[in-house]
Structures are given as C-alpha cells and as structure tokens.
Amino acid sequence: QVQLVESGGGLVQPGGSLTLSCVASGITFSTYDMGWYRQAPGNERELVATIFSEGGIAYANSVKGRFTISRDDAKTTVYLQMNSLKVEDTAVYYCTAFFNLRSYWGQGTQVTVSS
C-alpha cells in the first residue's frame, strides 16, 4: 500500500519560514519523481516544485528564490523549505509521487501565512 504522509505545516507570520516533509512508503522511492502542489480556497491546485529522480529541479515562478525542494532517497523523504513566506502562500500543500503514468498523493498539510 502506497502512503505519502506530509508534515510540517502550520501558522507563520509573513516573512517567516517553514519546512514541509513528506515520507513515502510502498514505492521504490528513488525511481519516482516527487513534487509539491498547493491549493488555496477557490483556486485550482498548482504545481509548486518538482524534483526528478535523477536530481533535476523545477519551480513555479511564484516561489523561485524563496522555496527549496530536496529529497533524501535513503529516508524516502522529500522536503520543501519555504522562506520569505507571503500571505498568498497560504494553501493546503500536497506531496505527490509520479512515475510513468502512475501518481500518488498525500492528504495535504495546511500552511497559513498571517499576521
């Protein structure tokens, strides 16, 4: 059974930082591309960052220079370091794993940026 379990969300003030973690089980983690999506109320789910199995990385323009995605294949974990957070970063953040035509999703973790 595949499981992706996110953690690390919470309430933070504008300009603050949070680090999200996603632990995967039930997949050959090192072969999967991993990503973080987010969905704010009333908005569509959007891709935030991707880290490919071979190490390549891509970011949404809205988070470039502020967010850093990384992975630890030995711990089957993907991270999202979020710095200089803005109110508009408020959303539920989802971890995803994808390989060929397969994709798996976590249940999400809430990030709220507010003063």
PDB file of N, CA and C in Angstrom:
ATOM      1  N   GLN A   1       0.839  -1.184   0.000  1.00  0.00           N
ATOM      2  CA  GLN A   1       0.000   0.000   0.000  1.00  0.00           C
ATOM      3  C   GLN A   1       0.883   1.246   0.000  1.00  0.00           C
ATOM      4  N   VAL A   2       0.605   2.134  -0.939  1.00  0.00           N
ATOM      5  CA  VAL A   2       1.387   3.347  -1.059  1.00  0.00           C
ATOM      6  C   VAL A   2       0.849   4.393  -0.085  1.00  0.00           C
ATOM      7  N   GLN A   3       1.767   5.015   0.630  1.00  0.00           N
ATOM      8  CA  GLN A   3       1.383   6.115   1.527  1.00  0.00           C
ATOM      9  C   GLN A   3       2.364   7.262   1.376  1.00  0.00           C
ATOM     10  N   LEU A   4       1.826   8.466   1.305  1.00  0.00           N
ATOM     11  CA  LEU A   4       2.609   9.691   1.363  1.00  0.00           C
ATOM     12  C   LEU A   4       2.067  10.490   2.535  1.00  0.00           C
ATOM     13  N   VAL A   5       2.917  10.777   3.505  1.00  0.00           N
ATOM     14  CA  VAL A   5       2.480  11.449   4.724  1.00  0.00           C
ATOM     15  C   VAL A   5       3.244  12.759   4.879  1.00  0.00           C
ATOM     16  N   GLU A   6       2.490  13.862   4.756  1.00  0.00           N
ATOM     17  CA  GLU A   6       3.086  15.183   4.890  1.00  0.00           C
ATOM     18  C   GLU A   6       3.058  15.645   6.344  1.00  0.00           C
ATOM     19  N   SER A   7       4.014  16.484   6.673  1.00  0.00           N
ATOM     20  CA  SER A   7       4.034  17.117   7.988  1.00  0.00           C
ATOM     21  C   SER A   7       4.774  18.438   7.885  1.00  0.00           C
ATOM     22  N   GLY A   8       4.645  19.256   8.931  1.00  0.00           N
ATOM     23  CA  GLY A   8       5.399  20.498   8.981  1.00  0.00           C
ATOM     24  C   GLY A   8       4.604  21.757   8.717  1.00  0.00           C
ATOM     25  N   GLY A   9       3.345  21.606   8.340  1.00  0.00           N
ATOM     26  CA  GLY A   9       2.539  22.793   8.115  1.00  0.00           C
ATOM     27  C   GLY A   9       2.208  23.504   9.415  1.00  0.00           C
ATOM     28  N   GLY A  10       1.618  24.685   9.283  1.00  0.00           N
ATOM     29  CA  GLY A  10       1.243  25.438  10.467  1.00  0.00           C
ATOM     30  C   GLY A  10       0.995  26.888  10.154  1.00  0.00           C
ATOM     31  N   LEU A  11       0.938  27.677  11.200  1.00  0.00           N
ATOM     32  CA  LEU A  11       0.704  29.109  11.087  1.00  0.00           C
ATOM     33  C   LEU A  11       2.035  29.835  11.241  1.00  0.00           C
ATOM     34  N   VAL A  12       2.295  30.758  10.332  1.00  0.00           N
ATOM     35  CA  VAL A  12       3.545  31.509  10.366  1.00  0.00           C
ATOM     36  C   VAL A  12       3.269  32.937   9.932  1.00  0.00           C
ATOM     37  N   GLN A  13       4.043  33.863  10.440  1.00  0.00           N
ATOM     38  CA  GLN A  13       3.878  35.264  10.057  1.00  0.00           C
ATOM     39  C   GLN A  13       4.523  35.520   8.706  1.00  0.00           C
ATOM     40  N   PRO A  14       4.057  36.536   8.005  1.00  0.00           N
ATOM     41  CA  PRO A  14       4.717  36.906   6.742  1.00  0.00           C
ATOM     42  C   PRO A  14       6.209  37.143   6.960  1.00  0.00           C
ATOM     43  N   GLY A  15       7.000  36.629   6.023  1.00  0.00           N
ATOM     44  CA  GLY A  15       8.446  36.714   6.144  1.00  0.00           C
ATOM     45  C   GLY A  15       9.070  35.550   6.861  1.00  0.00           C
ATOM     46  N   GLY A  16       8.248  34.711   7.454  1.00  0.00           N
ATOM     47  CA  GLY A  16       8.742  33.565   8.199  1.00  0.00           C
ATOM     48  C   GLY A  16       9.077  32.373   7.307  1.00  0.00           C
ATOM     49  N   SER A  17       9.446  31.279   7.965  1.00  0.00           N
ATOM     50  CA  SER A  17       9.874  30.086   7.262  1.00  0.00           C
ATOM     51  C   SER A  17       9.178  28.849   7.824  1.00  0.00           C
ATOM     52  N   LEU A  18       9.012  27.868   6.971  1.00  0.00           N
ATOM     53  CA  LEU A  18       8.523  26.547   7.354  1.00  0.00           C
ATOM     54  C   LEU A  18       9.213  25.525   6.474  1.00  0.00           C
ATOM     55  N   THR A  19       9.358  24.320   7.013  1.00  0.00           N
ATOM     56  CA  THR A  19       9.859  23.212   6.211  1.00  0.00           C
ATOM     57  C   THR A  19       8.839  22.084   6.246  1.00  0.00           C
ATOM     58  N   LEU A  20       8.360  21.704   5.081  1.00  0.00           N
ATOM     59  CA  LEU A  20       7.452  20.582   4.945  1.00  0.00           C
ATOM     60  C   LEU A  20       8.235  19.314   4.652  1.00  0.00           C
ATOM     61  N   SER A  21       7.732  18.209   5.183  1.00  0.00           N
ATOM     62  CA  SER A  21       8.326  16.898   4.916  1.00  0.00           C
ATOM     63  C   SER A  21       7.248  15.965   4.397  1.00  0.00           C
ATOM     64  N   CYS A  22       7.657  15.035   3.592  1.00  0.00           N
ATOM     65  CA  CYS A  22       6.740  14.013   3.072  1.00  0.00           C
ATOM     66  C   CYS A  22       7.484  12.689   3.061  1.00  0.00           C
ATOM     67  N   VAL A  23       6.996  11.767   3.867  1.00  0.00           N
ATOM     68  CA  VAL A  23       7.597  10.438   3.930  1.00  0.00           C
ATOM     69  C   VAL A  23       6.773   9.484   3.087  1.00  0.00           C
ATOM     70  N   ALA A  24       7.433   8.794   2.189  1.00  0.00           N
ATOM     71  CA  ALA A  24       6.759   7.867   1.285  1.00  0.00           C
ATOM     72  C   ALA A  24       7.041   6.423   1.689  1.00  0.00           C
ATOM     73  N   SER A  25       6.065   5.588   1.496  1.00  0.00           N
ATOM     74  CA  SER A  25       6.240   4.149   1.704  1.00  0.00           C
ATOM     75  C   SER A  25       5.436   3.405   0.649  1.00  0.00           C
ATOM     76  N   GLY A  26       5.869   2.183   0.362  1.00  0.00           N
ATOM     77  CA  GLY A  26       5.148   1.366  -0.602  1.00  0.00           C
ATOM     78  C   GLY A  26       5.549   1.587  -2.046  1.00  0.00           C
ATOM     79  N   ILE A  27       6.563   2.436  -2.282  1.00  0.00           N
ATOM     80  CA  ILE A  27       7.065   2.664  -3.634  1.00  0.00           C
ATOM     81  C   ILE A  27       8.587   2.565  -3.624  1.00  0.00           C
ATOM     82  N   THR A  28       9.154   2.327  -4.792  1.00  0.00           N
ATOM     83  CA  THR A  28      10.608   2.387  -4.939  1.00  0.00           C
ATOM     84  C   THR A  28      10.961   3.852  -5.099  1.00  0.00           C
ATOM     85  N   PHE A  29      11.163   4.505  -3.975  1.00  0.00           N
ATOM     86  CA  PHE A  29      11.222   5.957  -3.906  1.00  0.00           C
ATOM     87  C   PHE A  29      12.218   6.551  -4.897  1.00  0.00           C
ATOM     88  N   SER A  30      13.376   5.965  -5.012  1.00  0.00           N
ATOM     89  CA  SER A  30      14.439   6.561  -5.821  1.00  0.00           C
ATOM     90  C   SER A  30      14.093   6.642  -7.304  1.00  0.00           C
ATOM     91  N   THR A  31      13.122   5.876  -7.731  1.00  0.00           N
ATOM     92  CA  THR A  31      12.748   5.879  -9.152  1.00  0.00           C
ATOM     93  C   THR A  31      11.626   6.861  -9.454  1.00  0.00           C
ATOM     94  N   TYR A  32      11.049   7.446  -8.410  1.00  0.00           N
ATOM     95  CA  TYR A  32       9.912   8.342  -8.585  1.00  0.00           C
ATOM     96  C   TYR A  32      10.345   9.803  -8.628  1.00  0.00           C
ATOM     97  N   ASP A  33       9.706  10.555  -9.501  1.00  0.00           N
ATOM     98  CA  ASP A  33       9.776  11.999  -9.430  1.00  0.00           C
ATOM     99  C   ASP A  33       8.844  12.441  -8.317  1.00  0.00           C
ATOM    100  N   MET A  34       9.272  13.444  -7.557  1.00  0.00           N
ATOM    101  CA  MET A  34       8.485  13.897  -6.413  1.00  0.00           C
ATOM    102  C   MET A  34       8.151  15.373  -6.571  1.00  0.00           C
ATOM    103  N   GLY A  35       6.966  15.733  -6.105  1.00  0.00           N
ATOM    104  CA  GLY A  35       6.573  17.120  -6.246  1.00  0.00           C
ATOM    105  C   GLY A  35       5.728  17.608  -5.088  1.00  0.00           C
ATOM    106  N   TRP A  36       5.634  18.920  -5.014  1.00  0.00           N
ATOM    107  CA  TRP A  36       4.738  19.580  -4.080  1.00  0.00           C
ATOM    108  C   TRP A  36       3.762  20.431  -4.885  1.00  0.00           C
ATOM    109  N   TYR A  37       2.498  20.271  -4.600  1.00  0.00           N
ATOM    110  CA  TYR A  37       1.437  21.102  -5.142  1.00  0.00           C
ATOM    111  C   TYR A  37       0.805  21.860  -3.971  1.00  0.00           C
ATOM    112  N   ARG A  38       0.035  22.876  -4.316  1.00  0.00           N
ATOM    113  CA  ARG A  38      -0.743  23.571  -3.296  1.00  0.00           C
ATOM    114  C   ARG A  38      -2.085  23.981  -3.873  1.00  0.00           C
ATOM    115  N   GLN A  39      -3.045  24.125  -2.965  1.00  0.00           N
ATOM    116  CA  GLN A  39      -4.379  24.567  -3.372  1.00  0.00           C
ATOM    117  C   GLN A  39      -4.925  25.510  -2.323  1.00  0.00           C
ATOM    118  N   ALA A  40      -5.185  26.725  -2.752  1.00  0.00           N
ATOM    119  CA  ALA A  40      -5.795  27.722  -1.882  1.00  0.00           C
ATOM    120  C   ALA A  40      -7.306  27.697  -2.091  1.00  0.00           C
ATOM    121  N   PRO A  41      -8.088  28.135  -1.118  1.00  0.00           N
ATOM    122  CA  PRO A  41      -9.542  28.129  -1.258  1.00  0.00           C
ATOM    123  C   PRO A  41      -9.987  28.867  -2.503  1.00  0.00           C
ATOM    124  N   GLY A  42     -10.820  28.213  -3.304  1.00  0.00           N
ATOM    125  CA  GLY A  42     -11.344  28.828  -4.513  1.00  0.00           C
ATOM    126  C   GLY A  42     -10.412  28.766  -5.702  1.00  0.00           C
ATOM    127  N   ASN A  43      -9.222  28.220  -5.493  1.00  0.00           N
ATOM    128  CA  ASN A  43      -8.247  28.144  -6.589  1.00  0.00           C
ATOM    129  C   ASN A  43      -8.018  26.700  -7.021  1.00  0.00           C
ATOM    130  N   GLU A  44      -7.485  26.558  -8.216  1.00  0.00           N
ATOM    131  CA  GLU A  44      -7.103  25.234  -8.680  1.00  0.00           C
ATOM    132  C   GLU A  44      -5.785  24.821  -8.011  1.00  0.00           C
ATOM    133  N   ARG A  45      -5.579  23.512  -7.978  1.00  0.00           N
ATOM    134  CA  ARG A  45      -4.327  23.008  -7.447  1.00  0.00           C
ATOM    135  C   ARG A  45      -3.200  23.401  -8.403  1.00  0.00           C
ATOM    136  N   GLU A  46      -2.101  23.901  -7.878  1.00  0.00           N
ATOM    137  CA  GLU A  46      -0.995  24.331  -8.719  1.00  0.00           C
ATOM    138  C   GLU A  46       0.304  23.665  -8.288  1.00  0.00           C
ATOM    139  N   LEU A  47       1.151  23.432  -9.276  1.00  0.00           N
ATOM    140  CA  LEU A  47       2.452  22.831  -9.009  1.00  0.00           C
ATOM    141  C   LEU A  47       3.382  23.876  -8.406  1.00  0.00           C
ATOM    142  N   VAL A  48       4.019  23.524  -7.312  1.00  0.00           N
ATOM    143  CA  VAL A  48       4.949  24.427  -6.639  1.00  0.00           C
ATOM    144  C   VAL A  48       6.382  24.085  -7.012  1.00  0.00           C
ATOM    145  N   ALA A  49       6.745  22.822  -6.889  1.00  0.00           N
ATOM    146  CA  ALA A  49       8.124  22.411  -7.154  1.00  0.00           C
ATOM    147  C   ALA A  49       8.160  20.931  -7.450  1.00  0.00           C
ATOM    148  N   THR A  50       9.129  20.561  -8.272  1.00  0.00           N
ATOM    149  CA  THR A  50       9.342  19.160  -8.638  1.00  0.00           C
ATOM    150  C   THR A  50      10.812  18.834  -8.507  1.00  0.00           C
ATOM    151  N   ILE A  51      11.098  17.645  -8.002  1.00  0.00           N
ATOM    152  CA  ILE A  51      12.465  17.127  -8.020  1.00  0.00           C
ATOM    153  C   ILE A  51      12.413  15.755  -8.669  1.00  0.00           C
ATOM    154  N   PHE A  52      13.175  15.627  -9.746  1.00  0.00           N
ATOM    155  CA  PHE A  52      13.125  14.414 -10.538  1.00  0.00           C
ATOM    156  C   PHE A  52      14.043  13.345  -9.945  1.00  0.00           C
ATOM    157  N   SER A  53      13.796  12.125 -10.361  1.00  0.00           N
ATOM    158  CA  SER A  53      14.545  11.011  -9.793  1.00  0.00           C
ATOM    159  C   SER A  53      16.043  11.155 -10.049  1.00  0.00           C
ATOM    160  N   GLU A  54      16.397  11.788 -11.180  1.00  0.00           N
ATOM    161  CA  GLU A  54      17.817  11.963 -11.480  1.00  0.00           C
ATOM    162  C   GLU A  54      18.399  13.229 -10.862  1.00  0.00           C
ATOM    163  N   GLY A  55      17.539  14.006 -10.172  1.00  0.00           N
ATOM    164  CA  GLY A  55      18.026  15.154  -9.438  1.00  0.00           C
ATOM    165  C   GLY A  55      17.652  16.516  -9.994  1.00  0.00           C
ATOM    166  N   GLY A  56      17.129  16.567 -11.204  1.00  0.00           N
ATOM    167  CA  GLY A  56      16.715  17.841 -11.749  1.00  0.00           C
ATOM    168  C   GLY A  56      15.594  18.453 -10.936  1.00  0.00           C
ATOM    169  N   ILE A  57      15.517  19.780 -10.958  1.00  0.00           N
ATOM    170  CA  ILE A  57      14.558  20.508 -10.135  1.00  0.00           C
ATOM    171  C   ILE A  57      13.869  21.584 -10.959  1.00  0.00           C
ATOM    172  N   ALA A  58      12.599  21.797 -10.679  1.00  0.00           N
ATOM    173  CA  ALA A  58      11.857  22.885 -11.320  1.00  0.00           C
ATOM    174  C   ALA A  58      10.947  23.533 -10.289  1.00  0.00           C
ATOM    175  N   TYR A  59      10.758  24.857 -10.428  1.00  0.00           N
ATOM    176  CA  TYR A  59       9.918  25.620  -9.505  1.00  0.00           C
ATOM    177  C   TYR A  59       8.900  26.442 -10.267  1.00  0.00           C
ATOM    178  N   ALA A  60       7.780  26.694  -9.616  1.00  0.00           N
ATOM    179  CA  ALA A  60       6.850  27.689 -10.128  1.00  0.00           C
ATOM    180  C   ALA A  60       7.504  29.060  -9.990  1.00  0.00           C
ATOM    181  N   ASN A  61       7.207  29.952 -10.925  1.00  0.00           N
ATOM    182  CA  ASN A  61       7.809  31.289 -10.878  1.00  0.00           C
ATOM    183  C   ASN A  61       7.498  32.004  -9.569  1.00  0.00           C
ATOM    184  N   SER A  62       6.330  31.731  -9.022  1.00  0.00           N
ATOM    185  CA  SER A  62       5.895  32.441  -7.821  1.00  0.00           C
ATOM    186  C   SER A  62       6.716  32.103  -6.581  1.00  0.00           C
ATOM    187  N   VAL A  63       7.466  31.004  -6.634  1.00  0.00           N
ATOM    188  CA  VAL A  63       8.229  30.591  -5.443  1.00  0.00           C
ATOM    189  C   VAL A  63       9.735  30.556  -5.684  1.00  0.00           C
ATOM    190  N   LYS A  64      10.165  30.815  -6.896  1.00  0.00           N
ATOM    191  CA  LYS A  64      11.597  30.782  -7.205  1.00  0.00           C
ATOM    192  C   LYS A  64      12.361  31.751  -6.313  1.00  0.00           C
ATOM    193  N   GLY A  65      13.464  31.267  -5.773  1.00  0.00           N
ATOM    194  CA  GLY A  65      14.287  32.092  -4.899  1.00  0.00           C
ATOM    195  C   GLY A  65      13.838  32.081  -3.455  1.00  0.00           C
ATOM    196  N   ARG A  66      12.656  31.545  -3.186  1.00  0.00           N
ATOM    197  CA  ARG A  66      12.152  31.507  -1.808  1.00  0.00           C
ATOM    198  C   ARG A  66      12.002  30.078  -1.287  1.00  0.00           C
ATOM    199  N   PHE A  67      11.627  29.161  -2.168  1.00  0.00           N
ATOM    200  CA  PHE A  67      11.393  27.775  -1.777  1.00  0.00           C
ATOM    201  C   PHE A  67      12.511  26.889  -2.317  1.00  0.00           C
ATOM    202  N   THR A  68      12.822  25.831  -1.574  1.00  0.00           N
ATOM    203  CA  THR A  68      13.814  24.854  -1.996  1.00  0.00           C
ATOM    204  C   THR A  68      13.271  23.452  -1.780  1.00  0.00           C
ATOM    205  N   ILE A  69      13.247  22.674  -2.849  1.00  0.00           N
ATOM    206  CA  ILE A  69      12.830  21.285  -2.746  1.00  0.00           C
ATOM    207  C   ILE A  69      14.079  20.404  -2.696  1.00  0.00           C
ATOM    208  N   SER A  70      14.013  19.345  -1.904  1.00  0.00           N
ATOM    209  CA  SER A  70      15.123  18.408  -1.815  1.00  0.00           C
ATOM    210  C   SER A  70      14.573  17.028  -1.490  1.00  0.00           C
ATOM    211  N   ARG A  71      15.397  16.040  -1.642  1.00  0.00           N
ATOM    212  CA  ARG A  71      14.971  14.677  -1.361  1.00  0.00           C
ATOM    213  C   ARG A  71      16.105  13.911  -0.701  1.00  0.00           C
ATOM    214  N   ASP A  72      15.722  12.937   0.108  1.00  0.00           N
ATOM    215  CA  ASP A  72      16.666  12.018   0.720  1.00  0.00           C
ATOM    216  C   ASP A  72      16.166  10.619   0.396  1.00  0.00           C
ATOM    217  N   ASP A  73      16.747   9.999  -0.606  1.00  0.00           N
ATOM    218  CA  ASP A  73      16.263   8.700  -1.049  1.00  0.00           C
ATOM    219  C   ASP A  73      16.419   7.638   0.037  1.00  0.00           C
ATOM    220  N   ALA A  74      17.451   7.746   0.853  1.00  0.00           N
ATOM    221  CA  ALA A  74      17.657   6.768   1.921  1.00  0.00           C
ATOM    222  C   ALA A  74      16.539   6.830   2.958  1.00  0.00           C
ATOM    223  N   LYS A  75      15.977   8.018   3.146  1.00  0.00           N
ATOM    224  CA  LYS A  75      14.879   8.196   4.104  1.00  0.00           C
ATOM    225  C   LYS A  75      13.523   8.221   3.415  1.00  0.00           C
ATOM    226  N   THR A  76      13.499   7.999   2.135  1.00  0.00           N
ATOM    227  CA  THR A  76      12.267   8.064   1.317  1.00  0.00           C
ATOM    228  C   THR A  76      11.451   9.305   1.668  1.00  0.00           C
ATOM    229  N   THR A  77      12.131  10.435   1.715  1.00  0.00           N
ATOM    230  CA  THR A  77      11.508  11.678   2.146  1.00  0.00           C
ATOM    231  C   THR A  77      11.836  12.805   1.171  1.00  0.00           C
ATOM    232  N   VAL A  78      10.832  13.626   0.910  1.00  0.00           N
ATOM    233  CA  VAL A  78      11.022  14.839   0.131  1.00  0.00           C
ATOM    234  C   VAL A  78      10.676  16.022   1.029  1.00  0.00           C
ATOM    235  N   TYR A  79      11.417  17.093   0.861  1.00  0.00           N
ATOM    236  CA  TYR A  79      11.263  18.274   1.714  1.00  0.00           C
ATOM    237  C   TYR A  79      10.920  19.493   0.859  1.00  0.00           C
ATOM    238  N   LEU A  80      10.283  20.446   1.490  1.00  0.00           N
ATOM    239  CA  LEU A  80      10.071  21.748   0.870  1.00  0.00           C
ATOM    240  C   LEU A  80      10.401  22.805   1.919  1.00  0.00           C
ATOM    241  N   GLN A  81      11.548  23.441   1.745  1.00  0.00           N
ATOM    242  CA  GLN A  81      11.959  24.539   2.607  1.00  0.00           C
ATOM    243  C   GLN A  81      11.352  25.814   2.051  1.00  0.00           C
ATOM    244  N   MET A  82      10.560  26.502   2.869  1.00  0.00           N
ATOM    245  CA  MET A  82       9.860  27.698   2.417  1.00  0.00           C
ATOM    246  C   MET A  82      10.324  28.887   3.244  1.00  0.00           C
ATOM    247  N   ASN A  83      10.927  29.839   2.574  1.00  0.00           N
ATOM    248  CA  ASN A  83      11.414  31.050   3.230  1.00  0.00           C
ATOM    249  C   ASN A  83      10.669  32.272   2.699  1.00  0.00           C
ATOM    250  N   SER A  84      10.782  33.369   3.414  1.00  0.00           N
ATOM    251  CA  SER A  84      10.155  34.631   2.998  1.00  0.00           C
ATOM    252  C   SER A  84       8.699  34.417   2.623  1.00  0.00           C
ATOM    253  N   LEU A  85       7.986  33.729   3.469  1.00  0.00           N
ATOM    254  CA  LEU A  85       6.602  33.378   3.167  1.00  0.00           C
ATOM    255  C   LEU A  85       5.720  34.615   3.063  1.00  0.00           C
ATOM    256  N   LYS A  86       4.762  34.524   2.143  1.00  0.00           N
ATOM    257  CA  LYS A  86       3.827  35.606   1.891  1.00  0.00           C
ATOM    258  C   LYS A  86       2.411  35.125   2.197  1.00  0.00           C
ATOM    259  N   VAL A  87       1.529  36.081   2.413  1.00  0.00           N
ATOM    260  CA  VAL A  87       0.137  35.731   2.691  1.00  0.00           C
ATOM    261  C   VAL A  87      -0.420  34.860   1.566  1.00  0.00           C
ATOM    262  N   GLU A  88      -0.023  35.161   0.344  1.00  0.00           N
ATOM    263  CA  GLU A  88      -0.541  34.413  -0.812  1.00  0.00           C
ATOM    264  C   GLU A  88       0.013  32.996  -0.914  1.00  0.00           C
ATOM    265  N   ASP A  89       0.935  32.623  -0.046  1.00  0.00           N
ATOM    266  CA  ASP A  89       1.399  31.235   0.008  1.00  0.00           C
ATOM    267  C   ASP A  89       0.458  30.362   0.834  1.00  0.00           C
ATOM    268  N   THR A  90      -0.523  30.967   1.464  1.00  0.00           N
ATOM    269  CA  THR A  90      -1.484  30.212   2.263  1.00  0.00           C
ATOM    270  C   THR A  90      -2.236  29.214   1.383  1.00  0.00           C
ATOM    271  N   ALA A  91      -2.195  27.956   1.779  1.00  0.00           N
ATOM    272  CA  ALA A  91      -2.828  26.897   0.987  1.00  0.00           C
ATOM    273  C   ALA A  91      -2.656  25.566   1.711  1.00  0.00           C
ATOM    274  N   VAL A  92      -3.343  24.565   1.215  1.00  0.00           N
ATOM    275  CA  VAL A  92      -3.031  23.189   1.595  1.00  0.00           C
ATOM    276  C   VAL A  92      -1.957  22.689   0.632  1.00  0.00           C
ATOM    277  N   TYR A  93      -0.890  22.167   1.190  1.00  0.00           N
ATOM    278  CA  TYR A  93       0.237  21.682   0.388  1.00  0.00           C
ATOM    279  C   TYR A  93       0.197  20.161   0.322  1.00  0.00           C
ATOM    280  N   TYR A  94       0.300  19.646  -0.893  1.00  0.00           N
ATOM    281  CA  TYR A  94       0.216  18.213  -1.139  1.00  0.00           C
ATOM    282  C   TYR A  94       1.528  17.696  -1.715  1.00  0.00           C
ATOM    283  N   CYS A  95       1.928  16.562  -1.224  1.00  0.00           N
ATOM    284  CA  CYS A  95       3.071  15.843  -1.759  1.00  0.00           C
ATOM    285  C   CYS A  95       2.569  14.866  -2.819  1.00  0.00           C
ATOM    286  N   THR A  96       3.331  14.716  -3.891  1.00  0.00           N
ATOM    287  CA  THR A  96       2.955  13.768  -4.911  1.00  0.00           C
ATOM    288  C   THR A  96       4.178  13.001  -5.394  1.00  0.00           C
ATOM    289  N   ALA A  97       3.942  11.762  -5.779  1.00  0.00           N
ATOM    290  CA  ALA A  97       4.972  10.915  -6.358  1.00  0.00           C
ATOM    291  C   ALA A  97       4.476  10.444  -7.719  1.00  0.00           C
ATOM    292  N   PHE A  98       5.314  10.543  -8.742  1.00  0.00           N
ATOM    293  CA  PHE A  98       4.862  10.104 -10.055  1.00  0.00           C
ATOM    294  C   PHE A  98       5.983   9.394 -10.808  1.00  0.00           C
ATOM    295  N   PHE A  99       5.547   8.373 -11.556  1.00  0.00           N
ATOM    296  CA  PHE A  99       6.450   7.511 -12.320  1.00  0.00           C
ATOM    297  C   PHE A  99       5.669   6.964 -13.489  1.00  0.00           C
ATOM    298  N   ASN A 100       6.158   7.235 -14.697  1.00  0.00           N
ATOM    299  CA  ASN A 100       5.409   6.887 -15.901  1.00  0.00           C
ATOM    300  C   ASN A 100       3.985   7.438 -15.765  1.00  0.00           C
ATOM    301  N   LEU A 101       2.989   6.595 -15.815  1.00  0.00           N
ATOM    302  CA  LEU A 101       1.614   7.079 -15.749  1.00  0.00           C
ATOM    303  C   LEU A 101       1.008   6.952 -14.363  1.00  0.00           C
ATOM    304  N   ARG A 102       1.808   6.555 -13.394  1.00  0.00           N
ATOM    305  CA  ARG A 102       1.307   6.395 -12.036  1.00  0.00           C
ATOM    306  C   ARG A 102       1.559   7.654 -11.235  1.00  0.00           C
ATOM    307  N   SER A 103       0.589   8.023 -10.403  1.00  0.00           N
ATOM    308  CA  SER A 103       0.802   9.125  -9.474  1.00  0.00           C
ATOM    309  C   SER A 103       0.094   8.822  -8.163  1.00  0.00           C
ATOM    310  N   TYR A 104       0.697   9.260  -7.101  1.00  0.00           N
ATOM    311  CA  TYR A 104       0.145   9.085  -5.763  1.00  0.00           C
ATOM    312  C   TYR A 104       0.195  10.433  -5.043  1.00  0.00           C
ATOM    313  N   TRP A 105      -0.766  10.612  -4.137  1.00  0.00           N
ATOM    314  CA  TRP A 105      -0.908  11.893  -3.449  1.00  0.00           C
ATOM    315  C   TRP A 105      -1.016  11.676  -1.945  1.00  0.00           C
ATOM    316  N   GLY A 106      -0.474  12.628  -1.206  1.00  0.00           N
ATOM    317  CA  GLY A 106      -0.686  12.669   0.221  1.00  0.00           C
ATOM    318  C   GLY A 106      -2.001  13.366   0.534  1.00  0.00           C
ATOM    319  N   GLN A 107      -2.319  13.440   1.809  1.00  0.00           N
ATOM    320  CA  GLN A 107      -3.584  14.045   2.225  1.00  0.00           C
ATOM    321  C   GLN A 107      -3.476  15.552   2.414  1.00  0.00           C
ATOM    322  N   GLY A 108      -2.279  16.072   2.418  1.00  0.00           N
ATOM    323  CA  GLY A 108      -2.103  17.509   2.488  1.00  0.00           C
ATOM    324  C   GLY A 108      -1.818  18.019   3.890  1.00  0.00           C
ATOM    325  N   THR A 109      -1.136  19.158   3.933  1.00  0.00           N
ATOM    326  CA  THR A 109      -0.859  19.826   5.200  1.00  0.00           C
ATOM    327  C   THR A 109      -1.120  21.321   5.012  1.00  0.00           C
ATOM    328  N   GLN A 110      -1.802  21.913   5.974  1.00  0.00           N
ATOM    329  CA  GLN A 110      -2.207  23.306   5.850  1.00  0.00           C
ATOM    330  C   GLN A 110      -1.054  24.236   6.210  1.00  0.00           C
ATOM    331  N   VAL A 111      -0.821  25.204   5.349  1.00  0.00           N
ATOM    332  CA  VAL A 111       0.119  26.292   5.627  1.00  0.00           C
ATOM    333  C   VAL A 111      -0.662  27.598   5.610  1.00  0.00           C
ATOM    334  N   THR A 112      -0.611  28.309   6.707  1.00  0.00           N
ATOM    335  CA  THR A 112      -1.297  29.590   6.812  1.00  0.00           C
ATOM    336  C   THR A 112      -0.279  30.675   7.135  1.00  0.00           C
ATOM    337  N   VAL A 113      -0.235  31.683   6.281  1.00  0.00           N
ATOM    338  CA  VAL A 113       0.675  32.807   6.481  1.00  0.00           C
ATOM    339  C   VAL A 113      -0.173  34.026   6.827  1.00  0.00           C
ATOM    340  N   SER A 114      -0.047  34.475   8.053  1.00  0.00           N
ATOM    341  CA  SER A 114      -0.903  35.564   8.521  1.00  0.00           C
ATOM    342  C   SER A 114      -0.240  36.266   9.692  1.00  0.00           C
ATOM    343  N   SER A 115      -0.506  37.563   9.774  1.00  0.00           N
ATOM    344  CA  SER A 115      -0.011  38.334  10.914  1.00  0.00           C
ATOM    345  C   SER A 115      -1.063  38.396  12.014  1.00  0.00           C
TER     346      SER A 115
END
